[in-house]
Amino acid sequence: MPKIVIPEDRRRAVSEAVARLVSQEGIDGASLRNVAKEAGLAIGSVRHYFANHEELMIFTMRELGQRIGARIAAHVDQLLNAGPEVDRRALVETLFAEFLPLDRTRSDEAVAWLAFVVAARTRPALRPTAEEQHQFVRTLIDRTLREAIARGGLPQDLDVEVETLRLSALLDGLTLQALVYPESTTPELLLATLRRSLASFGT
């Protein structure tokens, strides 16, 4: 009996092959031919599910963003539903730590995402998706800070716009240093730096 292929599952499998290649070789290494080989498919099969290379890259960016976003959403739910007896600072730390390359999975995702963001600078078709993810992070930080203010954990006069940028830049900077200098920027150091920065808010 022939195997039933679900198009969306096949598209996701191809996008996972793209993400692996981008993480290992950069976006230029994720040609249709290389993607087909990595996914164990004929190149014609890849073209059957994606009109062109650009569509494949955009789909992979969205899949990668959604995968990260799903993990973030779980932490947000925990934070929003936490009772008064829960250590909210620890939950906030865990939430933002999800953006850092603290293990192999998150490191590979961060490498791939950084490659896409850099490529978006010169490939206009990729820019909207890169902007969406950037705005997602900024909105999440803004929401978390405003929630803390509403609960009395932060000063009412906190400049949320400035502090959102500061924390966003911190996450970006820590991620970049961890990817470029993994030997000296360990997961333990990343967490300690994040913890120190969050403590500076006075929560």
C-alpha atoms as a PDB file:
ATOM      1  CA  MET A   1       0.000   0.000   0.000  1.00  0.00           C
ATOM      2  CA  PRO A   2       1.537   3.325  -1.023  1.00  0.00           C
ATOM      3  CA  LYS A   3       2.541   5.674   1.789  1.00  0.00           C
ATOM      4  CA  ILE A   4       0.235   8.651   2.202  1.00  0.00           C
ATOM      5  CA  VAL A   5       2.196  11.892   2.142  1.00  0.00           C
ATOM      6  CA  ILE A   6       0.686  14.832   4.011  1.00  0.00           C
ATOM      7  CA  PRO A   7       1.887  17.960   2.173  1.00  0.00           C
ATOM      8  CA  GLU A   8       2.262  20.131   5.281  1.00  0.00           C
ATOM      9  CA  ASP A   9       4.273  17.443   7.065  1.00  0.00           C
ATOM     10  CA  ARG A  10       6.548  17.098   4.043  1.00  0.00           C
ATOM     11  CA  ARG A  11       7.002  20.877   3.865  1.00  0.00           C
ATOM     12  CA  ARG A  12       7.985  20.944   7.522  1.00  0.00           C
ATOM     13  CA  ALA A  13      10.429  18.078   7.025  1.00  0.00           C
ATOM     14  CA  VAL A  14      12.045  19.957   4.142  1.00  0.00           C
ATOM     15  CA  SER A  15      12.240  23.132   6.229  1.00  0.00           C
ATOM     16  CA  GLU A  16      13.975  21.194   9.009  1.00  0.00           C
ATOM     17  CA  ALA A  17      16.569  20.084   6.464  1.00  0.00           C
ATOM     18  CA  VAL A  18      17.008  23.727   5.453  1.00  0.00           C
ATOM     19  CA  ALA A  19      17.502  24.803   9.077  1.00  0.00           C
ATOM     20  CA  ARG A  20      20.161  22.118   9.592  1.00  0.00           C
ATOM     21  CA  LEU A  21      22.033  23.181   6.468  1.00  0.00           C
ATOM     22  CA  VAL A  22      21.820  26.881   7.296  1.00  0.00           C
ATOM     23  CA  SER A  23      23.100  26.157  10.795  1.00  0.00           C
ATOM     24  CA  GLN A  24      26.046  24.185   9.414  1.00  0.00           C
ATOM     25  CA  GLU A  25      26.910  26.024   6.189  1.00  0.00           C
ATOM     26  CA  GLY A  26      25.044  29.311   6.130  1.00  0.00           C
ATOM     27  CA  ILE A  27      22.176  30.275   3.870  1.00  0.00           C
ATOM     28  CA  ASP A  28      24.273  29.888   0.705  1.00  0.00           C
ATOM     29  CA  GLY A  29      24.768  26.240   1.575  1.00  0.00           C
ATOM     30  CA  ALA A  30      21.027  25.613   1.514  1.00  0.00           C
ATOM     31  CA  SER A  31      20.630  25.332  -2.245  1.00  0.00           C
ATOM     32  CA  LEU A  32      17.664  23.343  -3.535  1.00  0.00           C
ATOM     33  CA  ARG A  33      20.002  20.536  -4.520  1.00  0.00           C
ATOM     34  CA  ASN A  34      21.631  20.419  -1.086  1.00  0.00           C
ATOM     35  CA  VAL A  35      18.265  20.657   0.659  1.00  0.00           C
ATOM     36  CA  ALA A  36      16.909  17.757  -1.386  1.00  0.00           C
ATOM     37  CA  LYS A  37      19.944  15.644  -0.482  1.00  0.00           C
ATOM     38  CA  GLU A  38      19.678  16.544   3.229  1.00  0.00           C
ATOM     39  CA  ALA A  39      15.957  15.732   3.243  1.00  0.00           C
ATOM     40  CA  GLY A  40      16.463  12.471   1.340  1.00  0.00           C
ATOM     41  CA  LEU A  41      14.301  13.617  -1.563  1.00  0.00           C
ATOM     42  CA  ALA A  42      14.630  14.192  -5.273  1.00  0.00           C
ATOM     43  CA  ILE A  43      15.053  17.851  -6.156  1.00  0.00           C
ATOM     44  CA  GLY A  44      11.807  17.621  -8.131  1.00  0.00           C
ATOM     45  CA  SER A  45       9.992  16.699  -4.909  1.00  0.00           C
ATOM     46  CA  VAL A  46      11.284  19.832  -3.196  1.00  0.00           C
ATOM     47  CA  ARG A  47      10.124  21.926  -6.144  1.00  0.00           C
ATOM     48  CA  HIS A  48       6.734  20.257  -5.905  1.00  0.00           C
ATOM     49  CA  TYR A  49       6.202  21.715  -2.436  1.00  0.00           C
ATOM     50  CA  PHE A  50       7.979  25.047  -2.890  1.00  0.00           C
ATOM     51  CA  ALA A  51       7.769  27.261  -5.956  1.00  0.00           C
ATOM     52  CA  ASN A  52      11.317  28.546  -5.563  1.00  0.00           C
ATOM     53  CA  HIS A  53      14.246  28.911  -3.192  1.00  0.00           C
ATOM     54  CA  GLU A  54      12.905  32.185  -1.793  1.00  0.00           C
ATOM     55  CA  GLU A  55       9.608  30.615  -0.756  1.00  0.00           C
ATOM     56  CA  LEU A  56      11.482  27.773   0.911  1.00  0.00           C
ATOM     57  CA  MET A  57      13.648  30.193   2.910  1.00  0.00           C
ATOM     58  CA  ILE A  58      10.659  32.242   4.059  1.00  0.00           C
ATOM     59  CA  PHE A  59       8.741  29.119   5.075  1.00  0.00           C
ATOM     60  CA  THR A  60      11.738  27.875   7.070  1.00  0.00           C
ATOM     61  CA  MET A  61      12.115  31.217   8.825  1.00  0.00           C
ATOM     62  CA  ARG A  62       8.459  31.136   9.825  1.00  0.00           C
ATOM     63  CA  GLU A  63       8.680  27.543  11.023  1.00  0.00           C
ATOM     64  CA  LEU A  64      11.762  28.349  13.064  1.00  0.00           C
ATOM     65  CA  GLY A  65      10.096  31.400  14.577  1.00  0.00           C
ATOM     66  CA  GLN A  66       6.942  29.433  15.410  1.00  0.00           C
ATOM     67  CA  ARG A  67       8.947  26.652  17.034  1.00  0.00           C
ATOM     68  CA  ILE A  68      10.706  29.142  19.299  1.00  0.00           C
ATOM     69  CA  GLY A  69       7.474  31.046  19.848  1.00  0.00           C
ATOM     70  CA  ALA A  70       5.651  27.926  21.047  1.00  0.00           C
ATOM     71  CA  ARG A  71       8.224  27.385  23.796  1.00  0.00           C
ATOM     72  CA  ILE A  72       8.054  31.053  24.755  1.00  0.00           C
ATOM     73  CA  ALA A  73       4.248  30.926  24.918  1.00  0.00           C
ATOM     74  CA  ALA A  74       4.405  28.110  27.468  1.00  0.00           C
ATOM     75  CA  HIS A  75       6.602  30.246  29.736  1.00  0.00           C
ATOM     76  CA  VAL A  76       4.342  33.261  29.277  1.00  0.00           C
ATOM     77  CA  ASP A  77       1.320  31.189  30.333  1.00  0.00           C
ATOM     78  CA  GLN A  78       3.163  30.084  33.455  1.00  0.00           C
ATOM     79  CA  LEU A  79       4.039  33.671  34.291  1.00  0.00           C
ATOM     80  CA  LEU A  80       0.546  35.038  33.722  1.00  0.00           C
ATOM     81  CA  ASN A  81      -1.116  32.261  35.718  1.00  0.00           C
ATOM     82  CA  ALA A  82       1.364  32.242  38.591  1.00  0.00           C
ATOM     83  CA  GLY A  83      -0.077  32.694  42.055  1.00  0.00           C
ATOM     84  CA  PRO A  84       1.302  35.054  44.713  1.00  0.00           C
ATOM     85  CA  GLU A  85       3.365  32.272  46.275  1.00  0.00           C
ATOM     86  CA  VAL A  86       5.386  31.696  43.080  1.00  0.00           C
ATOM     87  CA  ASP A  87       8.811  33.250  42.535  1.00  0.00           C
ATOM     88  CA  ARG A  88       7.952  35.456  39.576  1.00  0.00           C
ATOM     89  CA  ARG A  89      11.548  36.607  39.122  1.00  0.00           C
ATOM     90  CA  ALA A  90      12.595  32.999  38.497  1.00  0.00           C
ATOM     91  CA  LEU A  91       9.800  32.619  35.948  1.00  0.00           C
ATOM     92  CA  VAL A  92      10.860  35.807  34.157  1.00  0.00           C
ATOM     93  CA  GLU A  93      14.458  34.603  34.111  1.00  0.00           C
ATOM     94  CA  THR A  94      13.399  31.248  32.637  1.00  0.00           C
ATOM     95  CA  LEU A  95      11.264  33.034  30.051  1.00  0.00           C
ATOM     96  CA  PHE A  96      14.082  35.220  28.732  1.00  0.00           C
ATOM     97  CA  ALA A  97      16.645  32.430  29.042  1.00  0.00           C
ATOM     98  CA  GLU A  98      14.654  30.617  26.352  1.00  0.00           C
ATOM     99  CA  PHE A  99      16.078  33.093  23.830  1.00  0.00           C
ATOM    100  CA  LEU A 100      19.678  32.218  24.714  1.00  0.00           C
ATOM    101  CA  PRO A 101      21.718  29.357  23.165  1.00  0.00           C
ATOM    102  CA  LEU A 102      21.990  27.363  26.374  1.00  0.00           C
ATOM    103  CA  ASP A 103      21.946  23.930  24.729  1.00  0.00           C
ATOM    104  CA  ARG A 104      22.561  22.318  21.350  1.00  0.00           C
ATOM    105  CA  THR A 105      18.999  22.765  20.112  1.00  0.00           C
ATOM    106  CA  ARG A 106      18.798  26.457  20.936  1.00  0.00           C
ATOM    107  CA  SER A 107      22.327  27.033  19.695  1.00  0.00           C
ATOM    108  CA  ASP A 108      21.545  25.480  16.298  1.00  0.00           C
ATOM    109  CA  GLU A 109      18.339  27.506  16.090  1.00  0.00           C
ATOM    110  CA  ALA A 110      20.180  30.705  16.967  1.00  0.00           C
ATOM    111  CA  VAL A 111      22.880  30.066  14.344  1.00  0.00           C
ATOM    112  CA  ALA A 112      20.243  29.452  11.681  1.00  0.00           C
ATOM    113  CA  TRP A 113      18.173  32.470  12.687  1.00  0.00           C
ATOM    114  CA  LEU A 114      21.209  34.762  12.726  1.00  0.00           C
ATOM    115  CA  ALA A 115      22.107  33.590   9.225  1.00  0.00           C
ATOM    116  CA  PHE A 116      18.596  34.399   8.032  1.00  0.00           C
ATOM    117  CA  VAL A 117      18.623  37.838   9.670  1.00  0.00           C
ATOM    118  CA  VAL A 118      21.961  38.721   8.101  1.00  0.00           C
ATOM    119  CA  ALA A 119      20.690  37.522   4.709  1.00  0.00           C
ATOM    120  CA  ALA A 120      17.525  39.616   5.140  1.00  0.00           C
ATOM    121  CA  ARG A 121      19.679  42.720   5.062  1.00  0.00           C
ATOM    122  CA  THR A 122      20.341  42.185   1.345  1.00  0.00           C
ATOM    123  CA  ARG A 123      17.370  39.990   0.412  1.00  0.00           C
ATOM    124  CA  PRO A 124      14.211  42.107   0.671  1.00  0.00           C
ATOM    125  CA  ALA A 125      11.895  39.090   0.524  1.00  0.00           C
ATOM    126  CA  LEU A 126      13.241  37.863   3.871  1.00  0.00           C
ATOM    127  CA  ARG A 127      12.951  41.186   5.694  1.00  0.00           C
ATOM    128  CA  PRO A 128       9.257  41.076   6.695  1.00  0.00           C
ATOM    129  CA  THR A 129       9.685  37.715   8.424  1.00  0.00           C
ATOM    130  CA  ALA A 130      12.845  38.881  10.202  1.00  0.00           C
ATOM    131  CA  GLU A 131      11.028  42.042  11.299  1.00  0.00           C
ATOM    132  CA  GLU A 132       8.085  40.012  12.600  1.00  0.00           C
ATOM    133  CA  GLN A 133      10.305  37.951  14.876  1.00  0.00           C
ATOM    134  CA  HIS A 134      12.208  41.025  16.048  1.00  0.00           C
ATOM    135  CA  GLN A 135       8.929  42.742  16.901  1.00  0.00           C
ATOM    136  CA  PHE A 136       7.711  39.611  18.667  1.00  0.00           C
ATOM    137  CA  VAL A 137      10.655  39.759  21.064  1.00  0.00           C
ATOM    138  CA  ARG A 138      10.294  43.500  21.670  1.00  0.00           C
ATOM    139  CA  THR A 139       6.552  43.165  22.294  1.00  0.00           C
ATOM    140  CA  LEU A 140       7.106  40.279  24.700  1.00  0.00           C
ATOM    141  CA  ILE A 141       9.646  42.256  26.718  1.00  0.00           C
ATOM    142  CA  ASP A 142       7.408  45.327  26.757  1.00  0.00           C
ATOM    143  CA  ARG A 143       4.453  43.238  27.937  1.00  0.00           C
ATOM    144  CA  THR A 144       6.497  41.560  30.682  1.00  0.00           C
ATOM    145  CA  LEU A 145       7.792  44.877  32.019  1.00  0.00           C
ATOM    146  CA  ARG A 146       4.344  46.460  32.016  1.00  0.00           C
ATOM    147  CA  GLU A 147       2.935  43.427  33.813  1.00  0.00           C
ATOM    148  CA  ALA A 148       5.628  43.792  36.475  1.00  0.00           C
ATOM    149  CA  ILE A 149       4.803  47.489  36.860  1.00  0.00           C
ATOM    150  CA  ALA A 150       1.096  46.712  37.235  1.00  0.00           C
ATOM    151  CA  ARG A 151       1.865  44.181  39.970  1.00  0.00           C
ATOM    152  CA  GLY A 152       4.088  46.622  41.835  1.00  0.00           C
ATOM    153  CA  GLY A 153       7.311  44.797  41.027  1.00  0.00           C
ATOM    154  CA  LEU A 154       8.795  47.704  39.081  1.00  0.00           C
ATOM    155  CA  PRO A 155       8.649  51.486  39.538  1.00  0.00           C
ATOM    156  CA  GLN A 156       5.660  53.224  37.959  1.00  0.00           C
ATOM    157  CA  ASP A 157       7.966  55.722  36.245  1.00  0.00           C
ATOM    158  CA  LEU A 158      10.122  53.066  34.550  1.00  0.00           C
ATOM    159  CA  ASP A 159      10.922  54.043  30.954  1.00  0.00           C
ATOM    160  CA  VAL A 160       9.538  50.894  29.354  1.00  0.00           C
ATOM    161  CA  GLU A 161      10.646  51.813  25.831  1.00  0.00           C
ATOM    162  CA  VAL A 162      14.275  52.289  26.860  1.00  0.00           C
ATOM    163  CA  GLU A 163      14.352  49.232  29.114  1.00  0.00           C
ATOM    164  CA  THR A 164      12.765  47.092  26.397  1.00  0.00           C
ATOM    165  CA  LEU A 165      15.545  48.071  24.011  1.00  0.00           C
ATOM    166  CA  ARG A 166      18.177  47.481  26.695  1.00  0.00           C
ATOM    167  CA  LEU A 167      16.976  43.960  27.437  1.00  0.00           C
ATOM    168  CA  SER A 168      16.479  43.147  23.750  1.00  0.00           C
ATOM    169  CA  ALA A 169      20.032  44.309  23.008  1.00  0.00           C
ATOM    170  CA  LEU A 170      21.318  42.242  25.923  1.00  0.00           C
ATOM    171  CA  LEU A 171      19.696  39.067  24.592  1.00  0.00           C
ATOM    172  CA  ASP A 172      20.989  39.736  21.082  1.00  0.00           C
ATOM    173  CA  GLY A 173      24.496  40.508  22.346  1.00  0.00           C
ATOM    174  CA  LEU A 174      24.713  37.492  24.626  1.00  0.00           C
ATOM    175  CA  THR A 175      23.499  35.222  21.847  1.00  0.00           C
ATOM    176  CA  LEU A 176      26.018  36.585  19.361  1.00  0.00           C
ATOM    177  CA  GLN A 177      28.935  36.252  21.772  1.00  0.00           C
ATOM    178  CA  ALA A 178      27.904  32.729  22.722  1.00  0.00           C
ATOM    179  CA  LEU A 179      27.798  31.692  19.063  1.00  0.00           C
ATOM    180  CA  VAL A 180      31.072  33.344  18.088  1.00  0.00           C
ATOM    181  CA  TYR A 181      33.005  32.674  21.311  1.00  0.00           C
ATOM    182  CA  PRO A 182      31.399  29.566  22.830  1.00  0.00           C
ATOM    183  CA  GLU A 183      34.474  28.569  24.844  1.00  0.00           C
ATOM    184  CA  SER A 184      34.525  31.791  26.890  1.00  0.00           C
ATOM    185  CA  THR A 185      30.778  32.492  26.860  1.00  0.00           C
ATOM    186  CA  THR A 186      29.401  29.482  28.656  1.00  0.00           C
ATOM    187  CA  PRO A 187      25.728  28.799  29.444  1.00  0.00           C
ATOM    188  CA  GLU A 188      26.509  29.451  33.123  1.00  0.00           C
ATOM    189  CA  LEU A 189      27.957  32.874  32.281  1.00  0.00           C
ATOM    190  CA  LEU A 190      25.017  33.676  30.029  1.00  0.00           C
ATOM    191  CA  LEU A 191      22.548  32.921  32.819  1.00  0.00           C
ATOM    192  CA  ALA A 192      24.556  34.855  35.401  1.00  0.00           C
ATOM    193  CA  THR A 193      24.646  37.894  33.119  1.00  0.00           C
ATOM    194  CA  LEU A 194      20.939  37.683  32.405  1.00  0.00           C
ATOM    195  CA  ARG A 195      20.204  37.324  36.126  1.00  0.00           C
ATOM    196  CA  ARG A 196      22.337  40.358  36.968  1.00  0.00           C
ATOM    197  CA  SER A 197      20.606  42.452  34.314  1.00  0.00           C
ATOM    198  CA  LEU A 198      17.123  41.479  35.504  1.00  0.00           C
ATOM    199  CA  ALA A 199      18.131  42.255  39.095  1.00  0.00           C
ATOM    200  CA  SER A 200      19.100  45.776  37.991  1.00  0.00           C
ATOM    201  CA  PHE A 201      15.406  46.453  37.364  1.00  0.00           C
ATOM    202  CA  GLY A 202      14.905  46.284  41.104  1.00  0.00           C
ATOM    203  CA  THR A 203      12.372  43.470  41.126  1.00  0.00           C
END
